[in-house]
Amino acid sequence: MLSQAVQGRMRASASWKVSNVQFDPDGDVILVIPSQAQERTARFQVSSHSLCLASSVFRTILGANACFEKGNALRYRATSSPPIDITLEDDEPKALALLLRIVHHQYDWVPRTLDDDQLYQVAILCDKYDMQQVLGLYLDQWIPMDTEAGGKISGDRWLFISYVFGREDLFMQLSKELILTSTVDTGGSLLSPPPMSDIANDRCSFSPYIPSSILGM
């Protein structure tokens, strides 16, 4: 028989495999994320109450005082009625599923570590929906406070990650690094150096999610 710790790690690994997931079987909302590439469209049944507690953005859309169409539909929805669909066109489903696990207190499904790309995708959604605060101690596991720039922890994506999650020392280190290593192309666009893991590739434009105020643009 597998130990609880092993079962937890298996669930955390499976949390990145998503399609149709009931985060709350009695949930009144289904978040629909259209298919990307060859993946299936994801449908997540969730609690609007949990979303509103976790995110000021969802609270504006779905809360008791919301003036949006979906909020009004929820307000007058009968208990016996099916959940209301809300389509999220641009969201990365695996990163969103991870946040929804935390929001719905399904902590055994939350991985203890994330790779760079997973962190970046989670940061995009936390910034979009104002959900940084729900990460709690998981953020300290994924990015310890004493994390320093260097090696794979470099480049514009890590700049964005450190900005979203309030890692000020790391943000300052990465800012100085990018000031020294970035260039400008003939069209005036700012280019970042390729990541250490892909050093053979050419320079590329900065992450579009970094606020222009940070880049001085």
N, C-alpha and C. Protein backbone atom coordinates (compact mmCIF):
# COMPACT_ATOMS: atom_id res chain seq x y z
N MET A 1 0.84 -1.20 0.00
CA MET A 1 0.00 0.00 0.00
C MET A 1 0.88 1.25 0.00
N LEU A 2 0.58 2.20 -0.84
CA LEU A 2 1.39 3.41 -0.94
C LEU A 2 1.18 4.30 0.27
N SER A 3 2.25 4.92 0.71
CA SER A 3 2.16 5.84 1.84
C SER A 3 1.42 7.10 1.39
N GLN A 4 0.93 7.89 2.36
CA GLN A 4 0.23 9.12 2.03
C GLN A 4 1.15 10.09 1.31
N ALA A 5 2.43 10.10 1.69
CA ALA A 5 3.39 11.01 1.06
C ALA A 5 3.56 10.67 -0.42
N VAL A 6 3.68 9.35 -0.73
CA VAL A 6 3.83 8.93 -2.11
C VAL A 6 2.56 9.23 -2.91
N GLN A 7 1.41 8.96 -2.31
CA GLN A 7 0.15 9.26 -2.98
C GLN A 7 0.03 10.75 -3.28
N GLY A 8 0.49 11.58 -2.32
CA GLY A 8 0.45 13.03 -2.53
C GLY A 8 1.30 13.45 -3.68
N ARG A 9 2.52 12.86 -3.79
CA ARG A 9 3.41 13.22 -4.90
C ARG A 9 2.82 12.78 -6.23
N MET A 10 2.15 11.63 -6.26
CA MET A 10 1.53 11.16 -7.49
C MET A 10 0.39 12.08 -7.91
N ARG A 11 -0.40 12.55 -6.93
CA ARG A 11 -1.48 13.47 -7.25
C ARG A 11 -0.93 14.80 -7.75
N ALA A 12 0.16 15.26 -7.12
CA ALA A 12 0.76 16.53 -7.54
C ALA A 12 1.26 16.44 -8.98
N SER A 13 1.85 15.29 -9.33
CA SER A 13 2.31 15.10 -10.70
C SER A 13 1.14 15.08 -11.67
N ALA A 14 0.05 14.43 -11.26
CA ALA A 14 -1.13 14.35 -12.12
C ALA A 14 -1.84 15.68 -12.26
N SER A 15 -1.58 16.63 -11.36
CA SER A 15 -2.27 17.91 -11.41
C SER A 15 -1.95 18.69 -12.68
N TRP A 16 -0.86 18.30 -13.39
CA TRP A 16 -0.50 18.98 -14.63
C TRP A 16 -1.12 18.31 -15.84
N LYS A 17 -1.93 17.24 -15.61
CA LYS A 17 -2.63 16.58 -16.71
C LYS A 17 -4.11 16.91 -16.56
N VAL A 18 -4.62 17.79 -17.42
CA VAL A 18 -5.96 18.30 -17.22
C VAL A 18 -6.80 18.16 -18.47
N SER A 19 -8.10 18.02 -18.29
CA SER A 19 -9.07 18.13 -19.37
C SER A 19 -10.37 18.59 -18.71
N ASN A 20 -11.16 17.64 -18.20
CA ASN A 20 -12.36 17.98 -17.47
C ASN A 20 -12.14 17.64 -15.99
N VAL A 21 -12.22 18.66 -15.15
CA VAL A 21 -11.94 18.46 -13.73
C VAL A 21 -13.03 19.10 -12.89
N GLN A 22 -13.54 18.36 -11.91
CA GLN A 22 -14.49 18.90 -10.94
C GLN A 22 -13.71 19.31 -9.69
N PHE A 23 -13.38 20.56 -9.60
CA PHE A 23 -12.74 21.04 -8.38
C PHE A 23 -13.77 21.16 -7.27
N ASP A 24 -15.01 21.39 -7.64
CA ASP A 24 -16.14 21.39 -6.71
C ASP A 24 -17.31 20.76 -7.44
N PRO A 25 -17.71 19.53 -7.06
CA PRO A 25 -18.79 18.84 -7.78
C PRO A 25 -20.12 19.58 -7.70
N ASP A 26 -20.25 20.49 -6.72
CA ASP A 26 -21.47 21.30 -6.61
C ASP A 26 -21.24 22.72 -7.12
N GLY A 27 -20.12 22.92 -7.81
CA GLY A 27 -19.75 24.25 -8.28
C GLY A 27 -20.78 24.84 -9.24
N ASP A 28 -20.93 26.16 -9.16
CA ASP A 28 -21.94 26.85 -9.97
C ASP A 28 -21.37 27.47 -11.24
N VAL A 29 -20.07 27.28 -11.47
CA VAL A 29 -19.41 27.84 -12.65
C VAL A 29 -18.53 26.78 -13.30
N ILE A 30 -18.51 26.77 -14.62
CA ILE A 30 -17.55 25.95 -15.36
C ILE A 30 -16.66 26.89 -16.17
N LEU A 31 -15.37 26.86 -15.87
CA LEU A 31 -14.39 27.64 -16.62
C LEU A 31 -13.99 26.83 -17.85
N VAL A 32 -14.15 27.41 -19.03
CA VAL A 32 -13.87 26.72 -20.29
C VAL A 32 -12.63 27.34 -20.91
N ILE A 33 -11.59 26.52 -21.09
CA ILE A 33 -10.35 27.00 -21.73
C ILE A 33 -10.23 26.28 -23.07
N PRO A 34 -10.44 27.00 -24.18
CA PRO A 34 -10.40 26.37 -25.51
C PRO A 34 -9.08 25.65 -25.75
N SER A 35 -9.14 24.65 -26.62
CA SER A 35 -7.98 23.81 -26.89
C SER A 35 -6.82 24.62 -27.43
N GLN A 36 -5.61 24.23 -27.01
CA GLN A 36 -4.39 24.85 -27.49
C GLN A 36 -3.56 23.76 -28.15
N ALA A 37 -3.12 24.01 -29.36
CA ALA A 37 -2.35 23.01 -30.13
C ALA A 37 -3.20 21.74 -30.23
N GLN A 38 -2.63 20.61 -29.77
CA GLN A 38 -3.30 19.32 -29.88
C GLN A 38 -4.04 18.92 -28.62
N GLU A 39 -4.04 19.78 -27.60
CA GLU A 39 -4.69 19.43 -26.34
C GLU A 39 -6.20 19.65 -26.44
N ARG A 40 -6.94 18.92 -25.59
CA ARG A 40 -8.38 19.03 -25.57
C ARG A 40 -8.80 20.29 -24.83
N THR A 41 -9.99 20.78 -25.17
CA THR A 41 -10.57 21.89 -24.42
C THR A 41 -10.74 21.47 -22.98
N ALA A 42 -10.33 22.32 -22.06
CA ALA A 42 -10.43 22.01 -20.63
C ALA A 42 -11.70 22.65 -20.07
N ARG A 43 -12.37 21.91 -19.18
CA ARG A 43 -13.57 22.39 -18.51
C ARG A 43 -13.39 22.14 -17.01
N PHE A 44 -13.42 23.21 -16.25
CA PHE A 44 -13.18 23.13 -14.81
C PHE A 44 -14.43 23.57 -14.06
N GLN A 45 -15.05 22.64 -13.32
CA GLN A 45 -16.21 23.01 -12.50
C GLN A 45 -15.72 23.54 -11.16
N VAL A 46 -16.09 24.76 -10.85
CA VAL A 46 -15.54 25.45 -9.68
C VAL A 46 -16.64 26.17 -8.90
N SER A 47 -16.27 26.61 -7.72
CA SER A 47 -17.16 27.40 -6.88
C SER A 47 -16.89 28.89 -7.14
N SER A 48 -17.91 29.62 -7.53
CA SER A 48 -17.74 31.06 -7.75
C SER A 48 -17.39 31.76 -6.44
N HIS A 49 -17.90 31.24 -5.33
CA HIS A 49 -17.59 31.84 -4.02
C HIS A 49 -16.10 31.73 -3.74
N SER A 50 -15.51 30.56 -4.01
CA SER A 50 -14.08 30.37 -3.79
C SER A 50 -13.26 31.28 -4.71
N LEU A 51 -13.70 31.41 -5.97
CA LEU A 51 -13.00 32.29 -6.91
C LEU A 51 -13.03 33.74 -6.43
N CYS A 52 -14.18 34.17 -5.96
CA CYS A 52 -14.32 35.56 -5.52
C CYS A 52 -13.48 35.85 -4.28
N LEU A 53 -13.34 34.88 -3.39
CA LEU A 53 -12.50 35.06 -2.22
C LEU A 53 -11.02 35.13 -2.59
N ALA A 54 -10.65 34.41 -3.65
CA ALA A 54 -9.24 34.30 -4.03
C ALA A 54 -8.78 35.40 -4.97
N SER A 55 -9.70 36.03 -5.70
CA SER A 55 -9.30 36.93 -6.78
C SER A 55 -10.21 38.15 -6.84
N SER A 56 -9.62 39.34 -6.77
CA SER A 56 -10.41 40.56 -6.90
C SER A 56 -10.99 40.69 -8.31
N VAL A 57 -10.31 40.11 -9.29
CA VAL A 57 -10.80 40.17 -10.67
C VAL A 57 -12.06 39.33 -10.83
N PHE A 58 -12.02 38.09 -10.34
CA PHE A 58 -13.21 37.25 -10.40
C PHE A 58 -14.33 37.83 -9.53
N ARG A 59 -13.97 38.48 -8.43
CA ARG A 59 -15.00 39.11 -7.58
C ARG A 59 -15.71 40.22 -8.34
N THR A 60 -14.97 40.96 -9.15
CA THR A 60 -15.58 42.01 -9.95
C THR A 60 -16.53 41.44 -11.00
N ILE A 61 -16.17 40.27 -11.53
CA ILE A 61 -16.97 39.65 -12.60
C ILE A 61 -18.16 38.87 -12.05
N LEU A 62 -17.93 38.18 -10.91
CA LEU A 62 -18.93 37.21 -10.43
C LEU A 62 -19.51 37.53 -9.06
N GLY A 63 -18.98 38.55 -8.39
CA GLY A 63 -19.39 38.83 -7.02
C GLY A 63 -20.83 39.32 -6.90
N ALA A 64 -21.26 39.49 -5.66
CA ALA A 64 -22.65 39.86 -5.39
C ALA A 64 -23.02 41.20 -6.00
N ASN A 65 -22.04 42.09 -6.13
CA ASN A 65 -22.31 43.41 -6.68
C ASN A 65 -21.85 43.56 -8.12
N ALA A 66 -21.54 42.44 -8.76
CA ALA A 66 -21.04 42.48 -10.14
C ALA A 66 -22.12 42.98 -11.09
N CYS A 67 -21.71 43.78 -12.05
CA CYS A 67 -22.67 44.29 -13.04
C CYS A 67 -22.47 43.63 -14.40
N PHE A 68 -21.58 42.62 -14.45
CA PHE A 68 -21.34 41.91 -15.70
C PHE A 68 -22.43 40.87 -15.93
N GLU A 69 -22.56 40.45 -17.18
CA GLU A 69 -23.61 39.50 -17.55
C GLU A 69 -23.53 38.21 -16.75
N LYS A 70 -22.33 37.66 -16.61
CA LYS A 70 -22.18 36.39 -15.90
C LYS A 70 -22.52 36.54 -14.42
N GLY A 71 -22.15 37.69 -13.83
CA GLY A 71 -22.49 37.93 -12.43
C GLY A 71 -23.99 38.00 -12.23
N ASN A 72 -24.68 38.67 -13.14
CA ASN A 72 -26.14 38.74 -13.05
C ASN A 72 -26.77 37.37 -13.22
N ALA A 73 -26.22 36.58 -14.14
CA ALA A 73 -26.75 35.24 -14.37
C ALA A 73 -26.59 34.37 -13.11
N LEU A 74 -25.46 34.51 -12.44
CA LEU A 74 -25.25 33.75 -11.21
C LEU A 74 -26.21 34.19 -10.11
N ARG A 75 -26.45 35.49 -10.04
CA ARG A 75 -27.28 36.04 -8.98
C ARG A 75 -28.71 35.48 -9.04
N TYR A 76 -29.20 35.25 -10.26
CA TYR A 76 -30.57 34.78 -10.43
C TYR A 76 -30.65 33.31 -10.81
N ARG A 77 -29.52 32.62 -10.69
CA ARG A 77 -29.49 31.20 -11.04
C ARG A 77 -30.18 30.36 -9.96
N ALA A 78 -31.06 29.48 -10.39
CA ALA A 78 -31.71 28.56 -9.46
C ALA A 78 -30.72 27.48 -9.04
N THR A 79 -30.86 27.00 -7.81
CA THR A 79 -29.94 25.98 -7.30
C THR A 79 -29.92 24.74 -8.16
N SER A 80 -31.05 24.40 -8.74
CA SER A 80 -31.14 23.19 -9.56
C SER A 80 -30.64 23.40 -10.99
N SER A 81 -30.32 24.62 -11.36
CA SER A 81 -29.88 24.90 -12.72
C SER A 81 -28.44 24.43 -12.94
N PRO A 82 -28.07 24.14 -14.18
CA PRO A 82 -26.68 23.73 -14.47
C PRO A 82 -25.72 24.88 -14.24
N PRO A 83 -24.44 24.57 -14.04
CA PRO A 83 -23.44 25.62 -13.87
C PRO A 83 -23.37 26.55 -15.08
N ILE A 84 -22.90 27.75 -14.85
CA ILE A 84 -22.76 28.75 -15.90
C ILE A 84 -21.37 28.66 -16.50
N ASP A 85 -21.28 28.61 -17.82
CA ASP A 85 -19.99 28.55 -18.52
C ASP A 85 -19.36 29.93 -18.63
N ILE A 86 -18.06 30.00 -18.37
CA ILE A 86 -17.29 31.21 -18.58
C ILE A 86 -16.05 30.82 -19.38
N THR A 87 -15.87 31.39 -20.55
CA THR A 87 -14.74 31.05 -21.41
C THR A 87 -13.56 31.96 -21.12
N LEU A 88 -12.40 31.35 -20.91
CA LEU A 88 -11.14 32.06 -20.68
C LEU A 88 -10.22 31.74 -21.85
N GLU A 89 -10.15 32.64 -22.81
CA GLU A 89 -9.52 32.35 -24.10
C GLU A 89 -8.02 32.08 -24.01
N ASP A 90 -7.30 32.87 -23.25
CA ASP A 90 -5.84 32.87 -23.35
C ASP A 90 -5.13 32.18 -22.19
N ASP A 91 -5.85 31.59 -21.28
CA ASP A 91 -5.21 31.05 -20.08
C ASP A 91 -4.59 29.67 -20.34
N GLU A 92 -3.47 29.43 -19.68
CA GLU A 92 -2.79 28.13 -19.78
C GLU A 92 -3.50 27.19 -18.79
N PRO A 93 -4.14 26.12 -19.29
CA PRO A 93 -5.01 25.30 -18.43
C PRO A 93 -4.29 24.61 -17.28
N LYS A 94 -3.05 24.16 -17.50
CA LYS A 94 -2.36 23.44 -16.43
C LYS A 94 -2.01 24.38 -15.28
N ALA A 95 -1.59 25.59 -15.61
CA ALA A 95 -1.28 26.56 -14.56
C ALA A 95 -2.55 26.97 -13.83
N LEU A 96 -3.63 27.16 -14.57
CA LEU A 96 -4.89 27.52 -13.93
C LEU A 96 -5.39 26.40 -13.03
N ALA A 97 -5.25 25.16 -13.47
CA ALA A 97 -5.67 24.02 -12.65
C ALA A 97 -4.91 23.99 -11.33
N LEU A 98 -3.63 24.30 -11.36
CA LEU A 98 -2.83 24.33 -10.14
C LEU A 98 -3.38 25.38 -9.17
N LEU A 99 -3.67 26.57 -9.67
CA LEU A 99 -4.22 27.62 -8.80
C LEU A 99 -5.59 27.21 -8.25
N LEU A 100 -6.39 26.55 -9.08
CA LEU A 100 -7.71 26.13 -8.62
C LEU A 100 -7.62 25.04 -7.56
N ARG A 101 -6.59 24.20 -7.63
CA ARG A 101 -6.38 23.21 -6.56
C ARG A 101 -6.18 23.91 -5.22
N ILE A 102 -5.37 24.95 -5.24
CA ILE A 102 -5.10 25.69 -4.00
C ILE A 102 -6.36 26.41 -3.53
N VAL A 103 -7.05 27.06 -4.45
CA VAL A 103 -8.25 27.82 -4.10
C VAL A 103 -9.32 26.91 -3.48
N HIS A 104 -9.39 25.67 -3.95
CA HIS A 104 -10.40 24.73 -3.45
C HIS A 104 -9.84 23.78 -2.38
N HIS A 105 -8.69 24.15 -1.82
CA HIS A 105 -8.10 23.44 -0.66
C HIS A 105 -7.76 21.98 -0.96
N GLN A 106 -7.34 21.70 -2.18
CA GLN A 106 -6.95 20.34 -2.55
C GLN A 106 -5.41 20.27 -2.55
N TYR A 107 -4.84 20.40 -1.37
CA TYR A 107 -3.41 20.64 -1.24
C TYR A 107 -2.56 19.42 -1.61
N ASP A 108 -3.12 18.22 -1.52
CA ASP A 108 -2.34 17.04 -1.89
C ASP A 108 -2.01 17.01 -3.37
N TRP A 109 -2.71 17.82 -4.16
CA TRP A 109 -2.49 17.85 -5.59
C TRP A 109 -1.47 18.91 -6.00
N VAL A 110 -0.97 19.67 -5.05
CA VAL A 110 -0.08 20.79 -5.36
C VAL A 110 1.37 20.32 -5.32
N PRO A 111 2.14 20.45 -6.40
CA PRO A 111 3.53 19.99 -6.42
C PRO A 111 4.41 20.85 -5.52
N ARG A 112 5.46 20.24 -5.00
CA ARG A 112 6.40 20.95 -4.12
C ARG A 112 7.40 21.79 -4.90
N THR A 113 7.60 21.43 -6.14
CA THR A 113 8.53 22.20 -6.99
C THR A 113 7.88 22.44 -8.35
N LEU A 114 8.29 23.53 -8.99
CA LEU A 114 7.86 23.85 -10.34
C LEU A 114 9.08 24.19 -11.17
N ASP A 115 9.06 23.83 -12.45
CA ASP A 115 10.17 24.23 -13.31
C ASP A 115 9.96 25.68 -13.76
N ASP A 116 10.93 26.22 -14.49
CA ASP A 116 10.89 27.64 -14.86
C ASP A 116 9.63 27.99 -15.65
N ASP A 117 9.27 27.15 -16.61
CA ASP A 117 8.13 27.46 -17.45
C ASP A 117 6.83 27.40 -16.65
N GLN A 118 6.71 26.42 -15.75
CA GLN A 118 5.52 26.32 -14.92
C GLN A 118 5.38 27.56 -14.03
N LEU A 119 6.48 27.99 -13.43
CA LEU A 119 6.46 29.19 -12.60
C LEU A 119 6.04 30.41 -13.42
N TYR A 120 6.54 30.51 -14.63
CA TYR A 120 6.22 31.64 -15.50
C TYR A 120 4.72 31.65 -15.82
N GLN A 121 4.17 30.48 -16.14
CA GLN A 121 2.74 30.41 -16.47
C GLN A 121 1.87 30.74 -15.25
N VAL A 122 2.28 30.27 -14.09
CA VAL A 122 1.54 30.58 -12.86
C VAL A 122 1.62 32.08 -12.57
N ALA A 123 2.79 32.67 -12.78
CA ALA A 123 2.97 34.11 -12.55
C ALA A 123 2.06 34.91 -13.47
N ILE A 124 1.93 34.51 -14.72
CA ILE A 124 1.06 35.22 -15.68
C ILE A 124 -0.37 35.26 -15.15
N LEU A 125 -0.86 34.12 -14.66
CA LEU A 125 -2.24 34.06 -14.19
C LEU A 125 -2.42 34.79 -12.86
N CYS A 126 -1.44 34.69 -11.98
CA CYS A 126 -1.54 35.41 -10.71
C CYS A 126 -1.58 36.92 -10.95
N ASP A 127 -0.80 37.38 -11.91
CA ASP A 127 -0.79 38.80 -12.25
C ASP A 127 -2.11 39.20 -12.90
N LYS A 128 -2.63 38.37 -13.77
CA LYS A 128 -3.87 38.66 -14.50
C LYS A 128 -5.07 38.71 -13.56
N TYR A 129 -5.14 37.76 -12.62
CA TYR A 129 -6.32 37.63 -11.76
C TYR A 129 -6.09 38.12 -10.32
N ASP A 130 -4.91 38.69 -10.05
CA ASP A 130 -4.60 39.19 -8.70
C ASP A 130 -4.75 38.06 -7.68
N MET A 131 -3.97 36.99 -7.86
CA MET A 131 -4.10 35.81 -7.02
C MET A 131 -2.80 35.45 -6.31
N GLN A 132 -1.86 36.37 -6.24
CA GLN A 132 -0.58 36.05 -5.60
C GLN A 132 -0.78 35.57 -4.16
N GLN A 133 -1.74 36.17 -3.48
CA GLN A 133 -1.89 35.90 -2.05
C GLN A 133 -2.34 34.47 -1.75
N VAL A 134 -2.93 33.77 -2.73
CA VAL A 134 -3.42 32.42 -2.45
C VAL A 134 -2.29 31.40 -2.37
N LEU A 135 -1.12 31.76 -2.88
CA LEU A 135 -0.03 30.78 -2.94
C LEU A 135 0.55 30.49 -1.56
N GLY A 136 0.53 31.47 -0.67
CA GLY A 136 0.99 31.25 0.69
C GLY A 136 2.38 30.64 0.76
N LEU A 137 2.50 29.58 1.55
CA LEU A 137 3.80 28.95 1.78
C LEU A 137 4.31 28.21 0.55
N TYR A 138 3.44 27.91 -0.40
CA TYR A 138 3.92 27.24 -1.62
C TYR A 138 4.93 28.12 -2.35
N LEU A 139 4.71 29.40 -2.32
CA LEU A 139 5.64 30.31 -3.00
C LEU A 139 7.02 30.24 -2.38
N ASP A 140 7.09 30.09 -1.06
CA ASP A 140 8.40 29.98 -0.39
C ASP A 140 9.09 28.67 -0.75
N GLN A 141 8.30 27.62 -1.08
CA GLN A 141 8.89 26.37 -1.53
C GLN A 141 9.41 26.50 -2.96
N TRP A 142 8.64 27.17 -3.80
CA TRP A 142 8.99 27.27 -5.22
C TRP A 142 10.11 28.28 -5.44
N ILE A 143 10.06 29.40 -4.71
CA ILE A 143 11.09 30.44 -4.85
C ILE A 143 11.49 30.90 -3.45
N PRO A 144 12.43 30.22 -2.81
CA PRO A 144 12.86 30.64 -1.47
C PRO A 144 13.31 32.10 -1.46
N MET A 145 13.15 32.76 -0.33
CA MET A 145 13.46 34.18 -0.23
C MET A 145 14.92 34.48 -0.55
N ASP A 146 15.79 33.51 -0.31
CA ASP A 146 17.22 33.75 -0.55
C ASP A 146 17.65 33.36 -1.96
N THR A 147 16.70 33.12 -2.86
CA THR A 147 17.03 32.78 -4.25
C THR A 147 17.80 33.93 -4.90
N GLU A 148 18.90 33.60 -5.57
CA GLU A 148 19.72 34.61 -6.21
C GLU A 148 19.81 34.36 -7.72
N ALA A 149 20.05 35.43 -8.45
CA ALA A 149 20.19 35.32 -9.90
C ALA A 149 21.46 34.56 -10.24
N GLY A 150 21.40 33.86 -11.36
CA GLY A 150 22.57 33.11 -11.81
C GLY A 150 22.15 31.79 -12.42
N GLY A 151 22.90 31.32 -13.41
CA GLY A 151 22.58 30.05 -14.06
C GLY A 151 21.23 30.15 -14.77
N LYS A 152 20.33 29.20 -14.46
CA LYS A 152 19.02 29.19 -15.09
C LYS A 152 18.12 30.32 -14.58
N ILE A 153 18.43 30.85 -13.40
CA ILE A 153 17.61 31.93 -12.85
C ILE A 153 18.12 33.24 -13.44
N SER A 154 17.72 33.49 -14.66
CA SER A 154 18.18 34.67 -15.39
C SER A 154 17.18 34.99 -16.48
N GLY A 155 17.33 36.16 -17.08
CA GLY A 155 16.51 36.52 -18.23
C GLY A 155 15.21 37.21 -17.87
N ASP A 156 14.49 37.60 -18.93
CA ASP A 156 13.30 38.42 -18.74
C ASP A 156 12.14 37.66 -18.10
N ARG A 157 12.04 36.35 -18.33
CA ARG A 157 10.96 35.60 -17.69
C ARG A 157 11.12 35.58 -16.17
N TRP A 158 12.35 35.39 -15.72
CA TRP A 158 12.59 35.41 -14.28
C TRP A 158 12.41 36.81 -13.73
N LEU A 159 12.69 37.83 -14.53
CA LEU A 159 12.41 39.20 -14.11
C LEU A 159 10.92 39.37 -13.83
N PHE A 160 10.10 38.84 -14.74
CA PHE A 160 8.65 38.93 -14.57
C PHE A 160 8.20 38.12 -13.35
N ILE A 161 8.73 36.92 -13.19
CA ILE A 161 8.37 36.08 -12.04
C ILE A 161 8.68 36.80 -10.73
N SER A 162 9.88 37.36 -10.63
CA SER A 162 10.27 38.04 -9.39
C SER A 162 9.42 39.28 -9.14
N TYR A 163 9.03 39.96 -10.21
CA TYR A 163 8.17 41.14 -10.10
C TYR A 163 6.79 40.76 -9.56
N VAL A 164 6.18 39.74 -10.15
CA VAL A 164 4.82 39.34 -9.76
C VAL A 164 4.78 38.85 -8.32
N PHE A 165 5.80 38.10 -7.91
CA PHE A 165 5.78 37.48 -6.59
C PHE A 165 6.53 38.27 -5.53
N GLY A 166 6.90 39.49 -5.85
CA GLY A 166 7.46 40.38 -4.85
C GLY A 166 8.82 39.97 -4.31
N ARG A 167 9.62 39.31 -5.13
CA ARG A 167 10.97 38.95 -4.71
C ARG A 167 11.90 40.13 -5.08
N GLU A 168 11.94 41.13 -4.20
CA GLU A 168 12.60 42.40 -4.53
C GLU A 168 14.10 42.25 -4.77
N ASP A 169 14.79 41.51 -3.91
CA ASP A 169 16.24 41.35 -4.09
C ASP A 169 16.56 40.67 -5.41
N LEU A 170 15.82 39.61 -5.71
CA LEU A 170 16.02 38.89 -6.96
C LEU A 170 15.69 39.79 -8.15
N PHE A 171 14.64 40.58 -8.04
CA PHE A 171 14.26 41.49 -9.11
C PHE A 171 15.38 42.50 -9.39
N MET A 172 15.98 43.02 -8.33
CA MET A 172 17.05 43.99 -8.50
C MET A 172 18.27 43.35 -9.17
N GLN A 173 18.61 42.12 -8.76
CA GLN A 173 19.74 41.42 -9.37
C GLN A 173 19.51 41.17 -10.86
N LEU A 174 18.31 40.72 -11.18
CA LEU A 174 17.99 40.43 -12.58
C LEU A 174 17.92 41.70 -13.42
N SER A 175 17.43 42.78 -12.82
CA SER A 175 17.37 44.06 -13.53
C SER A 175 18.76 44.52 -13.93
N LYS A 176 19.70 44.44 -12.99
CA LYS A 176 21.08 44.86 -13.28
C LYS A 176 21.69 43.98 -14.36
N GLU A 177 21.42 42.67 -14.27
CA GLU A 177 21.95 41.75 -15.27
C GLU A 177 21.44 42.09 -16.67
N LEU A 178 20.14 42.35 -16.77
CA LEU A 178 19.54 42.62 -18.08
C LEU A 178 19.96 43.99 -18.62
N ILE A 179 20.23 44.94 -17.75
CA ILE A 179 20.73 46.24 -18.20
C ILE A 179 22.07 46.07 -18.91
N LEU A 180 22.88 45.15 -18.39
CA LEU A 180 24.22 44.95 -18.94
C LEU A 180 24.23 44.05 -20.18
N THR A 181 23.22 43.18 -20.32
CA THR A 181 23.28 42.17 -21.38
C THR A 181 22.26 42.36 -22.50
N SER A 182 21.28 43.22 -22.31
CA SER A 182 20.25 43.41 -23.34
C SER A 182 20.76 44.32 -24.45
N THR A 183 20.12 44.22 -25.60
CA THR A 183 20.48 45.04 -26.75
C THR A 183 19.21 45.61 -27.39
N VAL A 184 19.40 46.46 -28.38
CA VAL A 184 18.27 47.04 -29.12
C VAL A 184 18.47 46.73 -30.60
N ASP A 185 17.39 46.27 -31.26
CA ASP A 185 17.53 45.95 -32.68
C ASP A 185 17.36 47.21 -33.52
N THR A 186 17.46 47.06 -34.84
CA THR A 186 17.41 48.22 -35.74
C THR A 186 16.07 48.93 -35.70
N GLY A 187 15.04 48.23 -35.24
CA GLY A 187 13.72 48.84 -35.15
C GLY A 187 13.46 49.50 -33.81
N GLY A 188 14.45 49.43 -32.92
CA GLY A 188 14.28 50.06 -31.61
C GLY A 188 13.67 49.17 -30.57
N SER A 189 13.46 47.89 -30.88
CA SER A 189 12.88 46.96 -29.91
C SER A 189 13.96 46.43 -28.98
N LEU A 190 13.62 46.32 -27.71
CA LEU A 190 14.55 45.80 -26.71
C LEU A 190 14.63 44.29 -26.81
N LEU A 191 15.83 43.74 -26.85
CA LEU A 191 16.03 42.30 -26.98
C LEU A 191 16.76 41.78 -25.75
N SER A 192 16.29 40.64 -25.26
CA SER A 192 16.93 40.01 -24.11
C SER A 192 17.89 38.93 -24.58
N PRO A 193 18.90 38.59 -23.78
CA PRO A 193 19.79 37.49 -24.15
C PRO A 193 19.04 36.17 -24.07
N PRO A 194 19.45 35.15 -24.84
CA PRO A 194 18.77 33.85 -24.76
C PRO A 194 19.00 33.24 -23.39
N PRO A 195 18.05 32.40 -22.90
CA PRO A 195 18.24 31.75 -21.60
C PRO A 195 19.43 30.81 -21.61
N MET A 196 19.97 30.54 -20.43
CA MET A 196 21.14 29.66 -20.31
C MET A 196 20.87 28.28 -20.89
N SER A 197 19.61 27.83 -20.77
CA SER A 197 19.27 26.49 -21.26
C SER A 197 19.15 26.44 -22.78
N ASP A 198 19.16 27.62 -23.43
CA ASP A 198 18.96 27.68 -24.87
C ASP A 198 19.91 28.70 -25.47
N ILE A 199 21.16 28.66 -25.03
CA ILE A 199 22.13 29.69 -25.36
C ILE A 199 22.43 29.76 -26.86
N ALA A 200 22.15 28.68 -27.60
CA ALA A 200 22.45 28.66 -29.03
C ALA A 200 21.49 29.52 -29.83
N ASN A 201 20.33 29.81 -29.28
CA ASN A 201 19.33 30.59 -30.01
C ASN A 201 19.65 32.08 -30.02
N ASP A 202 19.04 32.79 -30.94
CA ASP A 202 19.23 34.22 -31.03
C ASP A 202 18.51 34.94 -29.90
N ARG A 203 18.84 36.20 -29.74
CA ARG A 203 18.14 37.03 -28.78
C ARG A 203 16.68 37.18 -29.20
N CYS A 204 15.83 37.47 -28.22
CA CYS A 204 14.41 37.58 -28.52
C CYS A 204 13.81 38.75 -27.76
N SER A 205 12.60 39.13 -28.16
CA SER A 205 11.92 40.23 -27.51
C SER A 205 11.60 39.87 -26.06
N PHE A 206 11.49 40.89 -25.24
CA PHE A 206 11.15 40.67 -23.84
C PHE A 206 9.74 40.10 -23.71
N SER A 207 9.51 39.43 -22.59
CA SER A 207 8.18 38.89 -22.31
C SER A 207 7.14 40.01 -22.44
N PRO A 208 6.04 39.76 -23.17
CA PRO A 208 5.02 40.80 -23.35
C PRO A 208 4.26 41.12 -22.07
N TYR A 209 4.46 40.29 -21.04
CA TYR A 209 3.72 40.49 -19.79
C TYR A 209 4.42 41.45 -18.83
N ILE A 210 5.66 41.78 -19.13
CA ILE A 210 6.39 42.73 -18.28
C ILE A 210 5.83 44.13 -18.52
N PRO A 211 5.38 44.83 -17.48
CA PRO A 211 4.85 46.19 -17.67
C PRO A 211 5.86 47.09 -18.35
N SER A 212 5.39 47.94 -19.25
CA SER A 212 6.28 48.82 -19.99
C SER A 212 7.00 49.79 -19.06
N SER A 213 6.41 50.09 -17.90
CA SER A 213 7.04 51.02 -16.96
C SER A 213 8.35 50.44 -16.41
N ILE A 214 8.43 49.11 -16.32
CA ILE A 214 9.66 48.47 -15.84
C ILE A 214 10.76 48.58 -16.88
N LEU A 215 10.38 48.48 -18.14
CA LEU A 215 11.35 48.50 -19.22
C LEU A 215 11.70 49.93 -19.64
N GLY A 216 11.06 50.92 -19.03
CA GLY A 216 11.35 52.30 -19.37
C GLY A 216 10.83 52.69 -20.73
N MET A 217 9.73 52.09 -21.14
CA MET A 217 9.20 52.32 -22.48
C MET A 217 7.91 53.13 -22.39
